[in-house]
């Protein structure tokens, strides 16, 4: 029996697994990147925190990602294959146009570039540079596309489309536009150049700070670097960036190099299991002493056992050291059938339909949040011990479940709601 499940594994990791002397970053974009020498700001901010960043760029004015798919310089740079990150920045208006145009242009351009990036370096991380809405909206397209007539309308579309592109292509996202909106709403820092479109020095610093956090997962406020703006302004910006990193982690779409998710369906004779891995995982060795086989992304296995069975899992990737874990699977005849048992909690069933049970071990009090792929919170609950939460009002789909205690994330994993 073959089961088909959809899985989006949205997981966090730090780049300590990539021990190396320098982090190499390629920027492909346009003037939103080269204004105020954004790559230089990133390099200097990283240096102030003890990191070496080497950058290169191809950023012709007005360039689009579709243009970069055929631009000889961009292709030659990608083909060097020695980049840890490749930053992709779309022309400022294209991602906010009507959805059918985005589907025909922006999404395919991202996916084409991501495919080329991974073709030349299996371990390179594509990183989408979410841009910002124009200060007074998009006057060029407003007459025929009213949603972009205001900054807020344009920003909402850019946020949605960049996050969707990241999800579709399994790329990371630097949510500069989201943080830009936070700064505009809470401070008087001027992020715009006089043309109301390009970034001011503060706007470029915001982008540099966001990229620093995306690369290293460290709080930029710990640095005394402020670039071309005042220390007070840079600190305010750094704090806003770090706040989004901590409280809206799904906006960063950071896939674990060694990420793996298992979707299970208990049967009377054992369990059907589908594996979904990050694009960086080569294979998963599964063994229980008597049985041994290899999984790859998308594989479905029907295991036959009585009650429960525990397997050792070894995840292999050329991008990181092997990762070892174990999983216990349950048949429908078992008295309790949790989806997965972790150090801090278990949830079951997964997929869920109406009720999702959460067991927070040792009666620890925790806060549970469920978010969609765009970071929108679908529900929040307080949980102590074992409790059920009602998900009957949440549409079918894949969601990210976070369990927090004392402000810290204990665990995060994907949950499938299926009816």
Protein backbone atom coordinates (compact mmCIF):
# COMPACT_ATOMS: atom_id res chain seq x y z
CA UNK A 1 0.00 0.00 0.00
CA UNK A 2 1.39 3.40 -0.94
CA UNK A 3 0.28 6.51 0.93
CA UNK A 4 0.70 10.05 -0.32
CA UNK A 5 1.21 12.82 2.19
CA UNK A 6 2.31 16.41 1.76
CA UNK A 7 4.98 17.62 4.12
CA UNK A 8 6.69 20.93 4.68
CA UNK A 9 9.53 20.53 7.14
CA UNK A 10 10.16 23.93 8.60
CA UNK A 11 13.00 23.55 11.04
CA UNK A 12 15.69 25.71 12.54
CA UNK A 13 19.42 25.06 12.77
CA UNK A 14 22.62 26.97 13.38
CA UNK A 15 25.55 27.03 11.05
CA UNK A 16 27.93 25.65 13.65
CA UNK A 17 27.58 22.40 11.69
CA UNK A 18 29.44 24.09 8.85
CA UNK A 19 32.75 24.73 10.49
CA UNK A 20 34.91 26.68 8.10
CA UNK A 21 37.19 29.70 7.92
CA UNK A 22 34.89 31.93 5.91
CA UNK A 23 31.25 32.11 4.91
CA UNK A 24 30.93 32.78 1.19
CA UNK A 25 27.85 34.69 0.00
CA UNK A 26 26.82 35.49 -3.57
CA UNK A 27 24.26 38.29 -4.12
CA UNK A 28 22.13 38.23 -7.28
CA UNK A 29 19.76 41.20 -7.45
CA UNK A 30 19.74 44.84 -8.46
CA UNK A 31 20.02 48.33 -6.98
CA UNK A 32 18.13 47.33 -3.82
CA UNK A 33 21.25 45.27 -3.07
CA UNK A 34 24.04 47.54 -4.31
CA UNK A 35 22.65 50.77 -2.78
CA UNK A 36 24.81 51.83 0.18
CA UNK A 37 27.03 48.78 -0.42
CA UNK A 38 24.85 46.31 1.46
CA UNK A 39 27.29 43.38 1.00
CA UNK A 40 30.08 45.49 2.54
CA UNK A 41 27.87 46.33 5.54
CA UNK A 42 27.18 42.62 6.04
CA UNK A 43 30.88 41.81 5.89
CA UNK A 44 31.74 44.54 8.43
CA UNK A 45 28.89 43.61 10.80
CA UNK A 46 29.93 39.95 10.69
CA UNK A 47 33.57 40.87 11.31
CA UNK A 48 32.57 42.81 14.42
CA UNK A 49 31.05 39.56 15.72
CA UNK A 50 34.08 37.44 14.86
CA UNK A 51 32.93 36.02 11.52
CA UNK A 52 34.65 36.20 8.16
CA UNK A 53 32.24 36.76 5.28
CA UNK A 54 33.40 36.85 1.66
CA UNK A 55 30.92 38.24 -0.87
CA UNK A 56 30.50 38.62 -4.60
CA UNK A 57 27.61 40.15 -6.48
CA UNK A 58 25.94 40.74 -9.80
CA UNK A 59 23.38 43.49 -9.24
CA UNK A 60 22.58 45.44 -12.43
CA UNK A 61 20.07 48.23 -11.97
CA UNK A 62 16.48 47.06 -12.51
CA UNK A 63 17.49 43.43 -12.98
CA UNK A 64 14.88 40.72 -12.40
CA UNK A 65 15.37 37.13 -11.31
CA UNK A 66 14.14 36.03 -14.70
CA UNK A 67 16.97 38.07 -16.17
CA UNK A 68 19.47 36.41 -13.84
CA UNK A 69 18.41 32.97 -15.15
CA UNK A 70 20.04 33.85 -18.48
CA UNK A 71 22.58 36.49 -17.41
CA UNK A 72 26.02 35.14 -18.31
CA UNK A 73 27.75 36.75 -15.34
CA UNK A 74 25.19 35.42 -12.87
CA UNK A 75 25.41 31.92 -14.33
CA UNK A 76 29.21 31.96 -14.27
CA UNK A 77 29.22 33.03 -10.64
CA UNK A 78 26.76 30.29 -9.67
CA UNK A 79 28.80 27.72 -11.58
CA UNK A 80 31.82 28.47 -9.39
CA UNK A 81 29.94 26.26 -6.94
CA UNK A 82 31.81 27.38 -3.84
CA UNK A 83 29.06 29.50 -2.25
CA UNK A 84 27.60 28.76 1.16
CA UNK A 85 24.65 31.09 0.44
CA UNK A 86 23.25 32.56 -2.77
CA UNK A 87 20.98 35.56 -2.13
CA UNK A 88 18.18 36.05 -4.67
CA UNK A 89 16.49 39.48 -4.86
CA UNK A 90 13.62 40.07 -7.27
CA UNK A 91 12.92 43.37 -9.04
CA UNK A 92 10.99 45.46 -6.50
CA UNK A 93 7.54 45.31 -8.15
CA UNK A 94 7.33 41.88 -9.75
CA UNK A 95 6.49 39.82 -6.67
CA UNK A 96 3.55 42.13 -5.84
CA UNK A 97 1.83 41.88 -9.24
CA UNK A 98 -1.35 39.80 -9.77
CA UNK A 99 -0.96 36.20 -8.70
CA UNK A 100 -1.17 34.72 -12.21
CA UNK A 101 1.79 36.88 -13.25
CA UNK A 102 3.73 35.85 -10.14
CA UNK A 103 3.04 32.19 -10.92
CA UNK A 104 4.21 32.70 -14.50
CA UNK A 105 7.34 34.72 -13.71
CA UNK A 106 8.55 35.11 -10.11
CA UNK A 107 8.01 31.55 -8.84
CA UNK A 108 9.53 29.81 -11.91
CA UNK A 109 12.52 32.18 -11.88
CA UNK A 110 13.23 31.38 -8.23
CA UNK A 111 12.89 27.65 -8.82
CA UNK A 112 15.11 27.76 -11.91
CA UNK A 113 17.87 29.61 -10.06
CA UNK A 114 17.58 27.32 -7.02
CA UNK A 115 17.88 24.28 -9.27
CA UNK A 116 21.02 25.73 -10.88
CA UNK A 117 22.50 26.64 -7.49
CA UNK A 118 22.03 23.10 -6.17
CA UNK A 119 23.26 21.56 -9.41
CA UNK A 120 26.65 23.18 -8.87
CA UNK A 121 26.81 22.84 -5.08
CA UNK A 122 24.59 20.37 -3.23
CA UNK A 123 25.26 22.17 0.05
CA UNK A 124 24.64 25.79 -1.03
CA UNK A 125 21.68 27.48 0.66
CA UNK A 126 19.46 29.67 -1.57
CA UNK A 127 18.38 32.69 0.49
CA UNK A 128 15.50 34.86 -0.76
CA UNK A 129 15.79 38.59 -0.03
CA UNK A 130 12.25 39.71 0.81
CA UNK A 131 12.07 43.36 -0.23
CA UNK A 132 9.72 46.13 0.96
CA UNK A 133 6.77 48.06 -0.38
CA UNK A 134 7.39 51.51 -1.83
CA UNK A 135 6.76 54.36 0.58
CA UNK A 136 3.68 55.63 -1.31
CA UNK A 137 2.77 52.41 -3.08
CA UNK A 138 3.49 51.45 -6.68
CA UNK A 139 2.30 54.44 -8.74
CA UNK A 140 3.25 52.73 -12.01
CA UNK A 141 0.86 49.82 -11.52
CA UNK A 142 -1.73 51.32 -9.18
CA UNK A 143 -4.23 52.29 -11.88
CA UNK A 144 -4.74 48.73 -13.11
CA UNK A 145 -3.77 46.81 -9.92
CA UNK A 146 -5.27 48.65 -6.88
CA UNK A 147 -3.77 46.37 -4.16
CA UNK A 148 -0.36 48.04 -4.68
CA UNK A 149 -1.65 51.60 -4.43
CA UNK A 150 -0.47 51.85 -0.82
CA UNK A 151 2.67 50.80 1.01
CA UNK A 152 0.77 48.39 3.26
CA UNK A 153 -1.03 46.73 0.35
CA UNK A 154 2.20 46.28 -1.59
CA UNK A 155 4.03 44.99 1.48
CA UNK A 156 1.37 42.41 2.25
CA UNK A 157 1.69 40.94 -1.24
CA UNK A 158 5.50 40.93 -1.15
CA UNK A 159 5.49 39.15 2.19
CA UNK A 160 3.06 36.48 1.01
CA UNK A 161 4.80 35.81 -2.29
CA UNK A 162 8.36 35.64 -0.94
CA UNK A 163 7.31 33.20 1.78
CA UNK A 164 5.44 31.09 -0.76
CA UNK A 165 8.44 31.09 -3.09
CA UNK A 166 10.67 29.99 -0.20
CA UNK A 167 8.27 27.20 0.68
CA UNK A 168 7.92 26.04 -2.92
CA UNK A 169 11.66 25.92 -3.57
CA UNK A 170 12.80 24.85 -0.09
CA UNK A 171 14.87 27.99 0.21
CA UNK A 172 15.56 30.15 3.21
CA UNK A 173 14.12 33.63 3.47
CA UNK A 174 15.58 36.85 4.87
CA UNK A 175 12.33 38.68 5.81
CA UNK A 176 13.71 42.20 5.37
CA UNK A 177 10.30 43.52 4.28
CA UNK A 178 8.55 42.22 7.41
CA UNK A 179 11.09 43.88 9.69
CA UNK A 180 10.97 47.04 7.57
CA UNK A 181 7.24 47.20 8.33
CA UNK A 182 7.87 46.76 12.07
CA UNK A 183 10.38 49.63 12.09
CA UNK A 184 8.05 51.92 10.15
CA UNK A 185 5.20 51.19 12.57
CA UNK A 186 7.17 51.62 15.78
CA UNK A 187 9.93 54.20 15.17
CA UNK A 188 10.68 57.39 13.25
CA UNK A 189 13.78 55.92 11.57
CA UNK A 190 13.75 56.85 7.88
CA UNK A 191 14.34 53.71 5.84
CA UNK A 192 13.76 55.25 2.40
CA UNK A 193 15.98 57.09 -0.03
CA UNK A 194 14.60 60.38 -1.38
CA UNK A 195 12.98 58.48 -4.28
CA UNK A 196 10.66 56.65 -1.80
CA UNK A 197 11.73 53.32 -3.23
CA UNK A 198 15.43 52.57 -2.67
CA UNK A 199 16.82 52.11 0.84
CA UNK A 200 18.38 54.85 2.89
CA UNK A 201 21.57 53.98 4.78
CA UNK A 202 19.34 52.81 7.65
CA UNK A 203 17.29 50.68 5.25
CA UNK A 204 20.43 48.98 3.94
CA UNK A 205 21.67 48.46 7.49
CA UNK A 206 18.35 46.76 8.31
CA UNK A 207 18.93 44.38 5.40
CA UNK A 208 22.53 43.70 6.49
CA UNK A 209 21.41 42.97 10.04
CA UNK A 210 18.73 40.60 8.75
CA UNK A 211 21.22 38.73 6.58
CA UNK A 212 23.63 38.47 9.49
CA UNK A 213 20.99 36.75 11.61
CA UNK A 214 19.99 34.48 8.72
CA UNK A 215 23.61 33.38 8.27
CA UNK A 216 24.69 32.99 11.87
CA UNK A 217 21.62 32.97 14.14
CA UNK A 218 23.27 35.43 16.54
CA UNK A 219 21.90 38.62 18.06
CA UNK A 220 23.38 41.56 16.10
CA UNK A 221 22.64 43.89 19.02
CA UNK A 222 25.70 42.37 20.72
CA UNK A 223 27.87 44.19 18.19
CA UNK A 224 29.08 47.79 18.51
CA UNK A 225 29.03 48.14 14.73
CA UNK A 226 26.54 50.66 13.33
CA UNK A 227 27.87 51.25 9.80
CA UNK A 228 26.88 54.63 8.37
CA UNK A 229 24.06 55.28 10.89
CA UNK A 230 23.98 56.15 14.57
CA UNK A 231 24.51 53.47 17.19
CA UNK A 232 21.09 54.22 18.62
CA UNK A 233 19.38 53.62 15.28
CA UNK A 234 21.37 50.46 14.57
CA UNK A 235 20.56 49.07 18.02
CA UNK A 236 16.84 49.68 17.48
CA UNK A 237 17.01 47.95 14.13
CA UNK A 238 19.04 45.03 15.52
CA UNK A 239 16.51 44.52 18.30
CA UNK A 240 13.65 44.44 15.78
CA UNK A 241 15.51 41.90 13.64
CA UNK A 242 16.25 39.70 16.63
CA UNK A 243 12.65 39.92 17.82
CA UNK A 244 11.39 38.57 14.48
CA UNK A 245 14.03 35.85 14.56
CA UNK A 246 12.83 34.67 17.97
CA UNK A 247 9.07 35.20 17.82
CA UNK A 248 8.28 34.69 14.13
CA UNK A 249 10.76 31.96 13.31
CA UNK A 250 8.53 30.47 10.59
CA UNK A 251 9.07 33.66 8.54
CA UNK A 252 12.70 32.64 8.01
CA UNK A 253 11.75 29.30 6.39
CA UNK A 254 15.05 27.79 7.49
CA UNK A 255 15.29 24.16 6.49
CA UNK A 256 17.62 22.02 8.58
CA UNK A 257 20.42 20.55 6.48
CA UNK A 258 19.66 17.23 8.19
CA UNK A 259 15.91 17.76 8.49
CA UNK A 260 13.66 14.72 8.33
CA UNK A 261 9.95 14.30 9.00
CA UNK A 262 8.00 11.04 9.24
CA UNK A 263 4.28 10.74 8.59
CA UNK A 264 2.69 7.58 9.91
CA UNK A 265 -0.56 5.68 9.62
CA UNK A 266 -1.05 2.82 12.06
CA UNK A 267 -2.52 -0.41 10.70
CA UNK A 268 -3.69 -3.63 12.35
CA UNK A 269 -0.46 -5.31 11.20
CA UNK A 270 2.02 -2.50 11.82
CA UNK A 271 2.47 0.95 10.33
CA UNK A 272 2.71 2.75 7.00
CA UNK A 273 5.38 5.45 7.00
CA UNK A 274 6.37 8.16 4.55
CA UNK A 275 9.67 10.00 4.91
CA UNK A 276 10.25 13.59 3.85
CA UNK A 277 13.73 15.08 4.04
CA UNK A 278 15.41 18.36 3.35
CA UNK A 279 17.05 18.67 -0.09
CA UNK A 280 20.43 18.23 1.60
CA UNK A 281 19.77 14.71 2.92
CA UNK A 282 21.13 11.91 0.73
CA UNK A 283 19.64 8.92 2.54
CA UNK A 284 18.33 7.57 5.85
CA UNK A 285 19.54 4.19 7.10
CA UNK A 286 16.84 2.39 9.11
CA UNK A 287 17.73 -0.57 11.33
CA UNK A 288 16.40 -2.51 14.33
CA UNK A 289 19.07 -5.19 14.56
CA UNK A 290 17.31 -7.75 12.37
CA UNK A 291 15.92 -5.54 9.61
CA UNK A 292 17.88 -2.90 7.70
CA UNK A 293 16.90 -0.75 4.71
CA UNK A 294 17.49 2.71 3.24
CA UNK A 295 14.98 5.54 2.88
CA UNK A 296 15.17 8.47 0.50
CA UNK A 297 12.93 11.52 0.27
CA UNK A 298 9.35 10.56 -0.57
CA UNK A 299 9.74 6.82 0.05
CA UNK A 300 6.82 4.97 1.63
CA UNK A 301 7.29 1.77 3.63
CA UNK A 302 4.76 -0.66 5.10
CA UNK A 303 6.26 -2.17 8.26
CA UNK A 304 4.80 -5.32 9.79
CA UNK A 305 5.07 -5.75 13.57
CA UNK A 306 2.92 -6.40 16.60
CA UNK A 307 2.12 -3.53 18.95
CA UNK A 308 5.22 -1.37 18.59
CA UNK A 309 8.67 -1.40 17.05
CA UNK A 310 11.71 0.82 17.60
CA UNK A 311 14.19 1.62 14.83
CA UNK A 312 17.55 3.37 14.81
CA UNK A 313 17.78 6.08 12.14
CA UNK A 314 20.99 7.46 10.65
CA UNK A 315 20.65 10.50 8.40
CA UNK A 316 23.44 10.95 5.85
CA UNK A 317 24.39 14.10 3.98
CA UNK A 318 27.56 15.30 2.31
CA UNK A 319 26.83 18.70 3.89
CA UNK A 320 27.11 17.67 7.55
CA UNK A 321 28.09 14.83 9.86
CA UNK A 322 25.62 11.92 10.18
CA UNK A 323 22.73 12.47 12.56
CA UNK A 324 21.59 9.59 14.81
CA UNK A 325 18.17 9.11 16.40
CA UNK A 326 15.56 6.47 17.13
CA UNK A 327 11.82 6.31 16.54
CA UNK A 328 9.15 4.04 17.97
CA UNK A 329 6.19 3.22 15.74
CA UNK A 330 2.84 1.85 16.89
CA UNK A 331 0.23 -0.34 15.27
CA UNK A 332 -3.48 0.39 15.71
CA UNK A 333 -3.69 -2.51 18.17
CA UNK A 334 -1.36 -0.75 20.62
CA UNK A 335 -3.02 0.80 23.67
CA UNK A 336 -1.42 4.20 22.95
CA UNK A 337 -0.35 5.30 19.49
CA UNK A 338 1.65 8.52 19.61
CA UNK A 339 3.16 9.83 16.37
CA UNK A 340 6.55 10.49 17.84
CA UNK A 341 8.14 10.58 21.27
CA UNK A 342 10.65 13.37 21.88
CA UNK A 343 12.65 14.40 24.92
CA UNK A 344 10.11 17.04 25.86
CA UNK A 345 6.73 16.01 24.46
CA UNK A 346 4.74 13.79 22.15
CA UNK A 347 1.86 14.57 19.81
CA UNK A 348 -0.67 12.22 18.28
CA UNK A 349 -2.27 11.40 15.96
CA UNK A 350 -0.42 12.88 13.00
CA UNK A 351 -2.15 13.34 10.58
CA UNK A 352 -4.90 14.76 12.78
CA UNK A 353 -8.53 15.41 11.96
CA UNK A 354 -10.45 17.08 14.80
CA UNK A 355 -8.43 16.54 17.98
CA UNK A 356 -4.67 16.66 18.47
CA UNK A 357 -3.28 15.25 21.71
CA UNK A 358 -0.18 16.81 23.24
CA UNK A 359 1.72 15.17 26.06
CA UNK A 360 4.17 17.56 27.73
CA UNK A 361 6.35 15.27 29.81
CA UNK A 362 6.86 15.72 33.55
CA UNK A 363 3.73 17.91 33.67
CA UNK A 364 5.69 20.88 32.39
CA UNK A 365 3.52 23.88 31.57
CA UNK A 366 3.92 24.98 27.98
CA UNK A 367 2.44 27.26 25.36
CA UNK A 368 1.52 25.68 22.04
CA UNK A 369 1.16 27.62 18.78
CA UNK A 370 0.19 26.38 15.34
CA UNK A 371 1.22 28.46 12.30
CA UNK A 372 0.72 28.19 8.58
CA UNK A 373 3.49 28.44 5.98
CA UNK A 374 3.30 32.25 5.99
CA UNK A 375 3.76 32.49 9.76
CA UNK A 376 0.09 33.26 10.51
CA UNK A 377 -0.94 31.88 13.90
CA UNK A 378 -3.90 29.51 13.49
CA UNK A 379 -4.30 28.82 17.20
CA UNK A 380 -2.59 29.06 20.60
CA UNK A 381 -3.14 26.90 23.66
CA UNK A 382 -1.76 26.46 27.19
CA UNK A 383 -0.92 22.83 27.96
CA UNK A 384 0.07 21.00 31.15
CA UNK A 385 0.63 17.26 31.15
CA UNK A 386 -1.53 15.54 28.54
CA UNK A 387 -4.28 17.57 26.91
CA UNK A 388 -6.23 17.62 23.66
CA UNK A 389 -6.60 20.66 21.43
CA UNK A 390 -9.44 21.13 18.99
CA UNK A 391 -8.19 21.66 15.42
CA UNK A 392 -11.53 21.00 13.70
CA UNK A 393 -11.80 24.65 12.66
CA UNK A 394 -8.38 24.72 11.00
CA UNK A 395 -8.34 23.97 7.24
CA UNK A 396 -6.59 20.91 5.89
CA UNK A 397 -2.89 21.39 5.27
CA UNK A 398 0.59 21.25 6.76
CA UNK A 399 1.27 23.47 9.76
CA UNK A 400 4.20 24.21 12.03
CA UNK A 401 3.61 23.36 15.69
CA UNK A 402 5.76 25.12 18.29
CA UNK A 403 5.88 24.23 21.97
CA UNK A 404 7.44 26.85 24.23
CA UNK A 405 8.23 26.89 27.94
CA UNK A 406 9.64 29.90 29.79
CA UNK A 407 9.87 31.73 26.46
CA UNK A 408 12.09 29.06 24.89
CA UNK A 409 11.11 26.73 22.05
CA UNK A 410 11.20 23.14 23.33
CA UNK A 411 10.37 21.60 19.99
CA UNK A 412 9.04 22.43 16.57
CA UNK A 413 7.67 20.05 14.00
CA UNK A 414 5.22 19.75 11.12
CA UNK A 415 1.65 18.61 11.70
CA UNK A 416 -0.67 17.47 8.93
CA UNK A 417 -4.40 18.16 9.28
CA UNK A 418 -6.26 15.79 7.01
CA UNK A 419 -9.93 14.91 6.73
